[in-house]
PDB file of N, CA and C in Angstrom:
ATOM      1  N   MET A   1     -64.927  45.124  23.059  1.00  0.00           N
ATOM      2  CA  MET A   1     -66.209  45.404  24.190  1.00  0.00           C
ATOM      3  C   MET A   1     -66.348  44.037  24.146  1.00  0.00           C
ATOM      4  N   ALA A   2     -66.661  43.958  25.528  1.00  0.00           N
ATOM      5  CA  ALA A   2     -67.155  42.931  26.315  1.00  0.00           C
ATOM      6  C   ALA A   2     -68.732  41.726  26.085  1.00  0.00           C
ATOM      7  N   GLU A   3     -68.585  40.993  25.523  1.00  0.00           N
ATOM      8  CA  GLU A   3     -69.940  40.238  24.787  1.00  0.00           C
ATOM      9  C   GLU A   3     -70.580  39.711  26.441  1.00  0.00           C
ATOM     10  N   SER A   4     -72.067  40.063  27.002  1.00  0.00           N
ATOM     11  CA  SER A   4     -72.465  39.497  28.089  1.00  0.00           C
ATOM     12  C   SER A   4     -73.795  38.788  27.686  1.00  0.00           C
ATOM     13  N   PHE A   5     -73.803  37.035  28.576  1.00  0.00           N
ATOM     14  CA  PHE A   5     -74.819  36.795  28.343  1.00  0.00           C
ATOM     15  C   PHE A   5     -75.594  36.402  29.820  1.00  0.00           C
ATOM     16  N   ARG A   6     -76.498  35.950  29.872  1.00  0.00           N
ATOM     17  CA  ARG A   6     -77.815  35.929  31.040  1.00  0.00           C
ATOM     18  C   ARG A   6     -78.666  34.393  30.415  1.00  0.00           C
ATOM     19  N   VAL A   7     -78.316  33.691  31.594  1.00  0.00           N
ATOM     20  CA  VAL A   7     -78.929  32.282  31.409  1.00  0.00           C
ATOM     21  C   VAL A   7     -79.592  32.056  32.532  1.00  0.00           C
ATOM     22  N   GLU A   8     -80.653  32.725  32.464  1.00  0.00           N
ATOM     23  CA  GLU A   8     -81.828  32.765  33.603  1.00  0.00           C
ATOM     24  C   GLU A   8     -82.189  31.043  34.158  1.00  0.00           C
ATOM     25  N   LYS A   9     -82.122  30.897  35.381  1.00  0.00           N
ATOM     26  CA  LYS A   9     -82.160  30.130  36.216  1.00  0.00           C
ATOM     27  C   LYS A   9     -81.083  28.751  35.970  1.00  0.00           C
ATOM     28  N   ALA A  10     -80.238  28.846  36.136  1.00  0.00           N
ATOM     29  CA  ALA A  10     -79.128  28.366  35.117  1.00  0.00           C
ATOM     30  C   ALA A  10     -78.671  27.158  36.760  1.00  0.00           C
ATOM     31  N   PRO A  11     -78.582  26.272  35.991  1.00  0.00           N
ATOM     32  CA  PRO A  11     -78.130  25.061  37.029  1.00  0.00           C
ATOM     33  C   PRO A  11     -76.428  25.850  38.228  1.00  0.00           C
ATOM     34  N   MET A  12     -76.555  25.531  39.286  1.00  0.00           N
ATOM     35  CA  MET A  12     -75.396  25.574  39.816  1.00  0.00           C
ATOM     36  C   MET A  12     -74.408  24.405  40.243  1.00  0.00           C
ATOM     37  N   PRO A  13     -72.913  24.377  39.764  1.00  0.00           N
ATOM     38  CA  PRO A  13     -72.122  22.828  40.032  1.00  0.00           C
ATOM     39  C   PRO A  13     -72.524  22.873  41.517  1.00  0.00           C
ATOM     40  N   ALA A  14     -72.097  21.961  42.002  1.00  0.00           N
ATOM     41  CA  ALA A  14     -71.766  21.994  43.401  1.00  0.00           C
ATOM     42  C   ALA A  14     -69.712  21.800  42.780  1.00  0.00           C
ATOM     43  N   ASP A  15     -69.572  22.045  44.595  1.00  0.00           N
ATOM     44  CA  ASP A  15     -68.011  21.887  44.750  1.00  0.00           C
ATOM     45  C   ASP A  15     -67.310  20.700  43.855  1.00  0.00           C
ATOM     46  N   GLY A  16     -66.256  21.416  42.965  1.00  0.00           N
ATOM     47  CA  GLY A  16     -65.036  20.534  42.340  1.00  0.00           C
ATOM     48  C   GLY A  16     -66.246  19.539  41.361  1.00  0.00           C
ATOM     49  N   HIS A  17     -67.121  20.106  40.576  1.00  0.00           N
ATOM     50  CA  HIS A  17     -67.705  19.773  39.446  1.00  0.00           C
ATOM     51  C   HIS A  17     -68.345  20.699  38.559  1.00  0.00           C
ATOM     52  N   ALA A  18     -68.739  19.936  37.509  1.00  0.00           N
ATOM     53  CA  ALA A  18     -69.103  20.940  36.649  1.00  0.00           C
ATOM     54  C   ALA A  18     -70.887  20.928  36.171  1.00  0.00           C
ATOM     55  N   VAL A  19     -71.414  21.801  35.594  1.00  0.00           N
ATOM     56  CA  VAL A  19     -72.770  21.653  34.794  1.00  0.00           C
ATOM     57  C   VAL A  19     -72.647  22.178  33.281  1.00  0.00           C
ATOM     58  N   ARG A  20     -73.455  21.842  32.362  1.00  0.00           N
ATOM     59  CA  ARG A  20     -73.280  22.460  30.836  1.00  0.00           C
ATOM     60  C   ARG A  20     -74.579  23.412  30.911  1.00  0.00           C
ATOM     61  N   ILE A  21     -74.565  24.405  30.309  1.00  0.00           N
ATOM     62  CA  ILE A  21     -75.139  25.442  29.991  1.00  0.00           C
ATOM     63  C   ILE A  21     -75.048  25.556  28.568  1.00  0.00           C
ATOM     64  N   LEU A  22     -76.566  26.446  28.227  1.00  0.00           N
ATOM     65  CA  LEU A  22     -76.264  26.801  26.728  1.00  0.00           C
ATOM     66  C   LEU A  22     -76.373  28.134  26.490  1.00  0.00           C
ATOM     67  N   VAL A  23     -75.088  28.794  26.260  1.00  0.00           N
ATOM     68  CA  VAL A  23     -74.928  30.045  25.514  1.00  0.00           C
ATOM     69  C   VAL A  23     -74.664  30.811  24.104  1.00  0.00           C
ATOM     70  N   ASN A  24     -76.288  31.387  23.709  1.00  0.00           N
ATOM     71  CA  ASN A  24     -76.331  31.684  21.962  1.00  0.00           C
ATOM     72  C   ASN A  24     -75.884  30.189  21.620  1.00  0.00           C
ATOM     73  N   GLY A  25     -76.297  29.035  22.180  1.00  0.00           N
ATOM     74  CA  GLY A  25     -76.437  27.845  21.417  1.00  0.00           C
ATOM     75  C   GLY A  25     -75.102  27.067  21.652  1.00  0.00           C
ATOM     76  N   THR A  26     -74.221  27.774  22.567  1.00  0.00           N
ATOM     77  CA  THR A  26     -72.809  26.918  22.491  1.00  0.00           C
ATOM     78  C   THR A  26     -72.684  26.767  23.635  1.00  0.00           C
ATOM     79  N   PRO A  27     -72.847  25.208  23.846  1.00  0.00           N
ATOM     80  CA  PRO A  27     -72.336  24.978  25.002  1.00  0.00           C
ATOM     81  C   PRO A  27     -71.010  25.240  26.143  1.00  0.00           C
ATOM     82  N   VAL A  28     -71.395  25.482  27.432  1.00  0.00           N
ATOM     83  CA  VAL A  28     -70.659  26.023  28.424  1.00  0.00           C
ATOM     84  C   VAL A  28     -70.590  25.225  29.329  1.00  0.00           C
ATOM     85  N   ALA A  29     -69.385  24.753  29.768  1.00  0.00           N
ATOM     86  CA  ALA A  29     -68.991  24.888  31.408  1.00  0.00           C
ATOM     87  C   ALA A  29     -68.665  25.533  32.249  1.00  0.00           C
ATOM     88  N   VAL A  30     -69.448  24.962  33.045  1.00  0.00           N
ATOM     89  CA  VAL A  30     -69.420  26.255  34.357  1.00  0.00           C
ATOM     90  C   VAL A  30     -68.675  25.158  35.530  1.00  0.00           C
ATOM     91  N   PHE A  31     -67.709  25.187  36.073  1.00  0.00           N
ATOM     92  CA  PHE A  31     -67.276  25.107  37.499  1.00  0.00           C
ATOM     93  C   PHE A  31     -67.360  25.545  38.924  1.00  0.00           C
ATOM     94  N   ARG A  32     -67.352  24.724  39.385  1.00  0.00           N
ATOM     95  CA  ARG A  32     -67.798  25.783  40.899  1.00  0.00           C
ATOM     96  C   ARG A  32     -66.147  25.083  41.678  1.00  0.00           C
ATOM     97  N   VAL A  33     -64.970  25.539  42.110  1.00  0.00           N
ATOM     98  CA  VAL A  33     -63.683  24.846  42.576  1.00  0.00           C
ATOM     99  C   VAL A  33     -63.872  26.179  44.156  1.00  0.00           C
ATOM    100  N   GLY A  34     -63.872  25.387  45.282  1.00  0.00           N
ATOM    101  CA  GLY A  34     -63.620  25.977  46.474  1.00  0.00           C
ATOM    102  C   GLY A  34     -64.207  27.172  46.198  1.00  0.00           C
ATOM    103  N   GLY A  35     -65.735  27.178  46.242  1.00  0.00           N
ATOM    104  CA  GLY A  35     -66.409  28.459  45.383  1.00  0.00           C
ATOM    105  C   GLY A  35     -66.880  29.126  45.227  1.00  0.00           C
ATOM    106  N   GLN A  36     -65.620  29.297  43.645  1.00  0.00           N
ATOM    107  CA  GLN A  36     -65.704  30.506  42.983  1.00  0.00           C
ATOM    108  C   GLN A  36     -66.066  29.494  41.614  1.00  0.00           C
ATOM    109  N   LEU A  37     -66.866  30.346  41.102  1.00  0.00           N
ATOM    110  CA  LEU A  37     -67.524  30.142  40.049  1.00  0.00           C
ATOM    111  C   LEU A  37     -66.528  30.333  38.427  1.00  0.00           C
ATOM    112  N   TYR A  38     -66.029  28.730  37.341  1.00  0.00           N
ATOM    113  CA  TYR A  38     -65.035  29.432  36.287  1.00  0.00           C
ATOM    114  C   TYR A  38     -66.184  28.779  35.079  1.00  0.00           C
ATOM    115  N   ALA A  39     -66.071  29.152  34.187  1.00  0.00           N
ATOM    116  CA  ALA A  39     -66.559  29.012  32.624  1.00  0.00           C
ATOM    117  C   ALA A  39     -65.368  29.350  31.750  1.00  0.00           C
ATOM    118  N   ILE A  40     -65.722  27.713  31.103  1.00  0.00           N
ATOM    119  CA  ILE A  40     -64.752  27.803  29.432  1.00  0.00           C
ATOM    120  C   ILE A  40     -65.877  26.631  29.059  1.00  0.00           C
ATOM    121  N   ASP A  41     -65.821  26.581  27.511  1.00  0.00           N
ATOM    122  CA  ASP A  41     -66.204  26.146  26.339  1.00  0.00           C
ATOM    123  C   ASP A  41     -66.374  24.736  26.516  1.00  0.00           C
ATOM    124  N   ALA A  42     -67.422  24.189  26.970  1.00  0.00           N
ATOM    125  CA  ALA A  42     -67.594  22.951  27.132  1.00  0.00           C
ATOM    126  C   ALA A  42     -66.624  21.470  26.028  1.00  0.00           C
ATOM    127  N   ARG A  43     -66.686  21.893  24.802  1.00  0.00           N
ATOM    128  CA  ARG A  43     -66.137  20.728  24.047  1.00  0.00           C
ATOM    129  C   ARG A  43     -64.696  21.519  24.571  1.00  0.00           C
ATOM    130  N   CYS A  44     -64.110  20.117  24.356  1.00  0.00           N
ATOM    131  CA  CYS A  44     -62.934  19.900  24.210  1.00  0.00           C
ATOM    132  C   CYS A  44     -61.915  20.156  23.145  1.00  0.00           C
ATOM    133  N   THR A  45     -61.237  21.106  22.810  1.00  0.00           N
ATOM    134  CA  THR A  45     -60.205  21.271  21.276  1.00  0.00           C
ATOM    135  C   THR A  45     -59.775  20.804  20.717  1.00  0.00           C
ATOM    136  N   HIS A  46     -59.773  19.113  21.161  1.00  0.00           N
ATOM    137  CA  HIS A  46     -58.841  18.234  20.192  1.00  0.00           C
ATOM    138  C   HIS A  46     -59.764  17.488  19.666  1.00  0.00           C
ATOM    139  N   VAL A  47     -61.133  16.949  20.048  1.00  0.00           N
ATOM    140  CA  VAL A  47     -61.894  16.378  18.980  1.00  0.00           C
ATOM    141  C   VAL A  47     -63.772  16.649  19.544  1.00  0.00           C
ATOM    142  N   GLY A  48     -63.736  17.408  20.311  1.00  0.00           N
ATOM    143  CA  GLY A  48     -64.903  17.512  20.985  1.00  0.00           C
ATOM    144  C   GLY A  48     -65.423  17.491  22.128  1.00  0.00           C
ATOM    145  N   GLY A  49     -64.342  16.352  22.698  1.00  0.00           N
ATOM    146  CA  GLY A  49     -64.930  16.293  23.839  1.00  0.00           C
ATOM    147  C   GLY A  49     -65.985  16.647  25.074  1.00  0.00           C
ATOM    148  N   PRO A  50     -66.773  15.907  25.713  1.00  0.00           N
ATOM    149  CA  PRO A  50     -67.721  17.329  26.958  1.00  0.00           C
ATOM    150  C   PRO A  50     -66.637  17.376  28.363  1.00  0.00           C
ATOM    151  N   LEU A  51     -65.719  18.589  27.940  1.00  0.00           N
ATOM    152  CA  LEU A  51     -65.158  19.041  29.389  1.00  0.00           C
ATOM    153  C   LEU A  51     -65.868  18.635  30.594  1.00  0.00           C
ATOM    154  N   ASP A  52     -67.504  19.049  30.643  1.00  0.00           N
ATOM    155  CA  ASP A  52     -68.542  19.565  31.806  1.00  0.00           C
ATOM    156  C   ASP A  52     -68.580  17.722  32.233  1.00  0.00           C
ATOM    157  N   GLN A  53     -68.002  16.752  31.508  1.00  0.00           N
ATOM    158  CA  GLN A  53     -68.007  15.443  32.631  1.00  0.00           C
ATOM    159  C   GLN A  53     -66.713  14.804  32.560  1.00  0.00           C
ATOM    160  N   GLY A  54     -65.442  15.314  32.804  1.00  0.00           N
ATOM    161  CA  GLY A  54     -64.460  15.382  32.705  1.00  0.00           C
ATOM    162  C   GLY A  54     -64.266  15.377  34.630  1.00  0.00           C
ATOM    163  N   ALA A  55     -63.041  14.409  34.965  1.00  0.00           N
ATOM    164  CA  ALA A  55     -62.609  14.234  35.998  1.00  0.00           C
ATOM    165  C   ALA A  55     -61.982  15.850  36.509  1.00  0.00           C
ATOM    166  N   MET A  56     -62.109  16.132  37.572  1.00  0.00           N
ATOM    167  CA  MET A  56     -61.244  17.591  38.523  1.00  0.00           C
ATOM    168  C   MET A  56     -60.840  17.151  39.078  1.00  0.00           C
ATOM    169  N   ASN A  57     -59.170  17.805  39.170  1.00  0.00           N
ATOM    170  CA  ASN A  57     -58.538  18.066  40.081  1.00  0.00           C
ATOM    171  C   ASN A  57     -57.870  19.441  40.558  1.00  0.00           C
ATOM    172  N   GLY A  58     -58.046  19.665  41.495  1.00  0.00           N
ATOM    173  CA  GLY A  58     -58.511  21.368  41.935  1.00  0.00           C
ATOM    174  C   GLY A  58     -58.909  22.175  40.441  1.00  0.00           C
ATOM    175  N   THR A  59     -58.245  23.073  40.033  1.00  0.00           N
ATOM    176  CA  THR A  59     -58.479  23.660  38.719  1.00  0.00           C
ATOM    177  C   THR A  59     -58.600  23.183  37.487  1.00  0.00           C
ATOM    178  N   GLU A  60     -58.055  22.148  37.555  1.00  0.00           N
ATOM    179  CA  GLU A  60     -58.217  21.647  36.035  1.00  0.00           C
ATOM    180  C   GLU A  60     -59.552  20.463  36.044  1.00  0.00           C
ATOM    181  N   VAL A  61     -59.380  19.694  34.523  1.00  0.00           N
ATOM    182  CA  VAL A  61     -60.296  19.645  34.016  1.00  0.00           C
ATOM    183  C   VAL A  61     -59.656  18.235  33.276  1.00  0.00           C
ATOM    184  N   THR A  62     -59.978  16.951  33.517  1.00  0.00           N
ATOM    185  CA  THR A  62     -59.558  16.443  32.112  1.00  0.00           C
ATOM    186  C   THR A  62     -60.558  15.472  31.080  1.00  0.00           C
ATOM    187  N   CYS A  63     -60.189  15.767  30.138  1.00  0.00           N
ATOM    188  CA  CYS A  63     -61.448  15.508  29.336  1.00  0.00           C
ATOM    189  C   CYS A  63     -61.485  13.922  29.304  1.00  0.00           C
ATOM    190  N   PRO A  64     -62.999  13.517  29.318  1.00  0.00           N
ATOM    191  CA  PRO A  64     -63.098  11.984  29.296  1.00  0.00           C
ATOM    192  C   PRO A  64     -62.669  11.226  28.174  1.00  0.00           C
ATOM    193  N   TRP A  65     -62.895  12.083  26.803  1.00  0.00           N
ATOM    194  CA  TRP A  65     -62.156  11.040  26.097  1.00  0.00           C
ATOM    195  C   TRP A  65     -61.092  10.756  25.563  1.00  0.00           C
ATOM    196  N   HIS A  66     -60.074  11.676  25.489  1.00  0.00           N
ATOM    197  CA  HIS A  66     -58.603  11.538  25.706  1.00  0.00           C
ATOM    198  C   HIS A  66     -57.592  11.921  26.389  1.00  0.00           C
ATOM    199  N   GLY A  67     -58.251  12.639  27.412  1.00  0.00           N
ATOM    200  CA  GLY A  67     -57.405  12.606  28.095  1.00  0.00           C
ATOM    201  C   GLY A  67     -56.353  14.149  28.054  1.00  0.00           C
ATOM    202  N   SER A  68     -57.090  15.072  27.617  1.00  0.00           N
ATOM    203  CA  SER A  68     -56.485  16.446  27.724  1.00  0.00           C
ATOM    204  C   SER A  68     -56.989  17.038  28.862  1.00  0.00           C
ATOM    205  N   VAL A  69     -56.098  17.730  29.314  1.00  0.00           N
ATOM    206  CA  VAL A  69     -55.901  18.553  30.816  1.00  0.00           C
ATOM    207  C   VAL A  69     -56.196  19.572  30.522  1.00  0.00           C
ATOM    208  N   PHE A  70     -57.386  20.523  31.004  1.00  0.00           N
ATOM    209  CA  PHE A  70     -57.616  22.246  30.677  1.00  0.00           C
ATOM    210  C   PHE A  70     -57.515  22.540  32.222  1.00  0.00           C
ATOM    211  N   ASP A  71     -57.077  24.037  32.052  1.00  0.00           N
ATOM    212  CA  ASP A  71     -57.348  24.780  33.761  1.00  0.00           C
ATOM    213  C   ASP A  71     -58.394  25.818  33.246  1.00  0.00           C
ATOM    214  N   VAL A  72     -59.739  25.379  34.165  1.00  0.00           N
ATOM    215  CA  VAL A  72     -60.637  26.229  34.344  1.00  0.00           C
ATOM    216  C   VAL A  72     -60.477  27.504  34.959  1.00  0.00           C
ATOM    217  N   ARG A  73     -59.592  28.130  34.984  1.00  0.00           N
ATOM    218  CA  ARG A  73     -59.484  29.234  35.400  1.00  0.00           C
ATOM    219  C   ARG A  73     -59.027  30.258  33.988  1.00  0.00           C
ATOM    220  N   ASP A  74     -58.893  29.600  33.261  1.00  0.00           N
ATOM    221  CA  ASP A  74     -58.591  30.519  32.062  1.00  0.00           C
ATOM    222  C   ASP A  74     -58.784  29.553  30.242  1.00  0.00           C
ATOM    223  N   GLY A  75     -58.800  28.448  30.907  1.00  0.00           N
ATOM    224  CA  GLY A  75     -58.776  27.623  29.809  1.00  0.00           C
ATOM    225  C   GLY A  75     -57.900  27.051  28.315  1.00  0.00           C
ATOM    226  N   LYS A  76     -56.623  27.534  29.297  1.00  0.00           N
ATOM    227  CA  LYS A  76     -55.364  26.792  28.623  1.00  0.00           C
ATOM    228  C   LYS A  76     -55.391  25.189  28.952  1.00  0.00           C
ATOM    229  N   ALA A  77     -54.628  24.720  27.728  1.00  0.00           N
ATOM    230  CA  ALA A  77     -54.509  23.096  27.567  1.00  0.00           C
ATOM    231  C   ALA A  77     -52.929  23.294  28.302  1.00  0.00           C
ATOM    232  N   VAL A  78     -53.295  22.451  29.486  1.00  0.00           N
ATOM    233  CA  VAL A  78     -51.703  22.056  29.969  1.00  0.00           C
ATOM    234  C   VAL A  78     -51.567  20.823  29.933  1.00  0.00           C
ATOM    235  N   LYS A  79     -52.172  19.766  29.365  1.00  0.00           N
ATOM    236  CA  LYS A  79     -51.304  18.547  28.891  1.00  0.00           C
ATOM    237  C   LYS A  79     -52.813  18.097  26.976  1.00  0.00           C
ATOM    238  N   GLY A  80     -51.914  17.433  26.401  1.00  0.00           N
ATOM    239  CA  GLY A  80     -52.439  17.172  25.435  1.00  0.00           C
ATOM    240  C   GLY A  80     -52.706  15.693  25.637  1.00  0.00           C
ATOM    241  N   PRO A  81     -53.776  15.889  23.914  1.00  0.00           N
ATOM    242  CA  PRO A  81     -53.462  16.245  23.623  1.00  0.00           C
ATOM    243  C   PRO A  81     -53.515  17.138  22.799  1.00  0.00           C
ATOM    244  N   ALA A  82     -54.708  18.067  23.287  1.00  0.00           N
ATOM    245  CA  ALA A  82     -54.843  19.388  22.457  1.00  0.00           C
ATOM    246  C   ALA A  82     -53.789  19.872  23.119  1.00  0.00           C
ATOM    247  N   THR A  83     -53.623  21.024  21.940  1.00  0.00           N
ATOM    248  CA  THR A  83     -52.889  22.294  21.738  1.00  0.00           C
ATOM    249  C   THR A  83     -53.759  23.391  21.960  1.00  0.00           C
ATOM    250  N   LYS A  84     -54.664  23.476  21.684  1.00  0.00           N
ATOM    251  CA  LYS A  84     -55.545  24.975  21.884  1.00  0.00           C
ATOM    252  C   LYS A  84     -56.296  25.019  23.348  1.00  0.00           C
ATOM    253  N   GLY A  85     -56.313  25.915  23.910  1.00  0.00           N
ATOM    254  CA  GLY A  85     -57.016  26.270  24.987  1.00  0.00           C
ATOM    255  C   GLY A  85     -58.695  26.271  24.777  1.00  0.00           C
ATOM    256  N   ALA A  86     -59.064  26.168  25.905  1.00  0.00           N
ATOM    257  CA  ALA A  86     -61.514  26.401  25.351  1.00  0.00           C
ATOM    258  C   ALA A  86     -61.630  27.922  26.134  1.00  0.00           C
ATOM    259  N   ALA A  87     -62.064  28.434  25.643  1.00  0.00           N
ATOM    260  CA  ALA A  87     -62.477  29.883  25.397  1.00  0.00           C
ATOM    261  C   ALA A  87     -62.892  29.652  26.604  1.00  0.00           C
ATOM    262  N   PRO A  88     -62.253  31.463  27.298  1.00  0.00           N
ATOM    263  CA  PRO A  88     -62.710  30.974  28.891  1.00  0.00           C
ATOM    264  C   PRO A  88     -64.092  32.325  28.395  1.00  0.00           C
ATOM    265  N   TYR A  89     -65.023  32.138  29.626  1.00  0.00           N
ATOM    266  CA  TYR A  89     -65.371  33.179  30.058  1.00  0.00           C
ATOM    267  C   TYR A  89     -65.678  33.945  31.711  1.00  0.00           C
ATOM    268  N   ARG A  90     -66.025  35.048  31.587  1.00  0.00           N
ATOM    269  CA  ARG A  90     -65.711  35.839  33.498  1.00  0.00           C
ATOM    270  C   ARG A  90     -67.784  34.650  33.777  1.00  0.00           C
ATOM    271  N   VAL A  91     -67.567  34.236  35.368  1.00  0.00           N
ATOM    272  CA  VAL A  91     -69.517  34.211  34.836  1.00  0.00           C
ATOM    273  C   VAL A  91     -69.025  35.225  36.453  1.00  0.00           C
ATOM    274  N   ARG A  92     -70.460  35.385  36.833  1.00  0.00           N
ATOM    275  CA  ARG A  92     -70.821  35.455  38.386  1.00  0.00           C
ATOM    276  C   ARG A  92     -72.453  35.354  38.124  1.00  0.00           C
ATOM    277  N   VAL A  93     -72.584  35.184  39.445  1.00  0.00           N
ATOM    278  CA  VAL A  93     -73.996  35.054  39.774  1.00  0.00           C
ATOM    279  C   VAL A  93     -74.978  36.270  40.227  1.00  0.00           C
ATOM    280  N   ASP A  94     -76.047  36.510  39.376  1.00  0.00           N
ATOM    281  CA  ASP A  94     -76.678  37.560  39.471  1.00  0.00           C
ATOM    282  C   ASP A  94     -78.398  36.944  39.629  1.00  0.00           C
ATOM    283  N   GLY A  95     -78.284  36.767  41.119  1.00  0.00           N
ATOM    284  CA  GLY A  95     -80.349  36.228  41.279  1.00  0.00           C
ATOM    285  C   GLY A  95     -80.516  34.830  40.658  1.00  0.00           C
ATOM    286  N   GLU A  96     -80.953  34.173  40.660  1.00  0.00           N
ATOM    287  CA  GLU A  96     -81.262  33.162  39.998  1.00  0.00           C
ATOM    288  C   GLU A  96     -80.533  32.794  38.770  1.00  0.00           C
ATOM    289  N   ALA A  97     -79.611  34.315  38.141  1.00  0.00           N
ATOM    290  CA  ALA A  97     -78.995  33.710  36.546  1.00  0.00           C
ATOM    291  C   ALA A  97     -77.778  33.558  36.476  1.00  0.00           C
ATOM    292  N   LEU A  98     -77.152  33.044  35.988  1.00  0.00           N
ATOM    293  CA  LEU A  98     -75.947  33.325  35.673  1.00  0.00           C
ATOM    294  C   LEU A  98     -75.369  34.587  34.599  1.00  0.00           C
ATOM    295  N   VAL A  99     -74.713  35.373  34.904  1.00  0.00           N
ATOM    296  CA  VAL A  99     -74.196  35.844  33.633  1.00  0.00           C
ATOM    297  C   VAL A  99     -72.949  35.952  33.031  1.00  0.00           C
ATOM    298  N   LEU A 100     -72.148  35.650  31.885  1.00  0.00           N
ATOM    299  CA  LEU A 100     -71.223  35.530  31.596  1.00  0.00           C
ATOM    300  C   LEU A 100     -71.099  36.341  30.475  1.00  0.00           C
ATOM    301  N   GLU A 101     -69.531  36.852  30.035  1.00  0.00           N
ATOM    302  CA  GLU A 101     -68.939  37.580  29.706  1.00  0.00           C
ATOM    303  C   GLU A 101     -67.794  36.537  28.493  1.00  0.00           C
ATOM    304  N   ARG A 102     -67.642  37.124  27.375  1.00  0.00           N
ATOM    305  CA  ARG A 102     -65.939  36.802  26.891  1.00  0.00           C
ATOM    306  C   ARG A 102     -65.806  38.016  26.100  1.00  0.00           C
TER     307      ARG A 102
END
């Protein structure tokens, strides 16, 4: 069964950018690409860099610490040094809240 998390009055990212929210104490990066929202764990799986602060290129985000690249649609590591993907969430807007499911 999927876990569902509701974040009231969550900030919304501008297109091509991310925001960081907390989901049960875990930092999650929420990205907007072409009007679509995506969410993955905000910590790079290499050494914990802040993915929400990384540069975006389409649906890919580059960790600002060591350059690992992740696909924000599914969290997969596209380029190392990270070899493990970032856990993805399904995300949707419900009024002023974000609802994330894993």
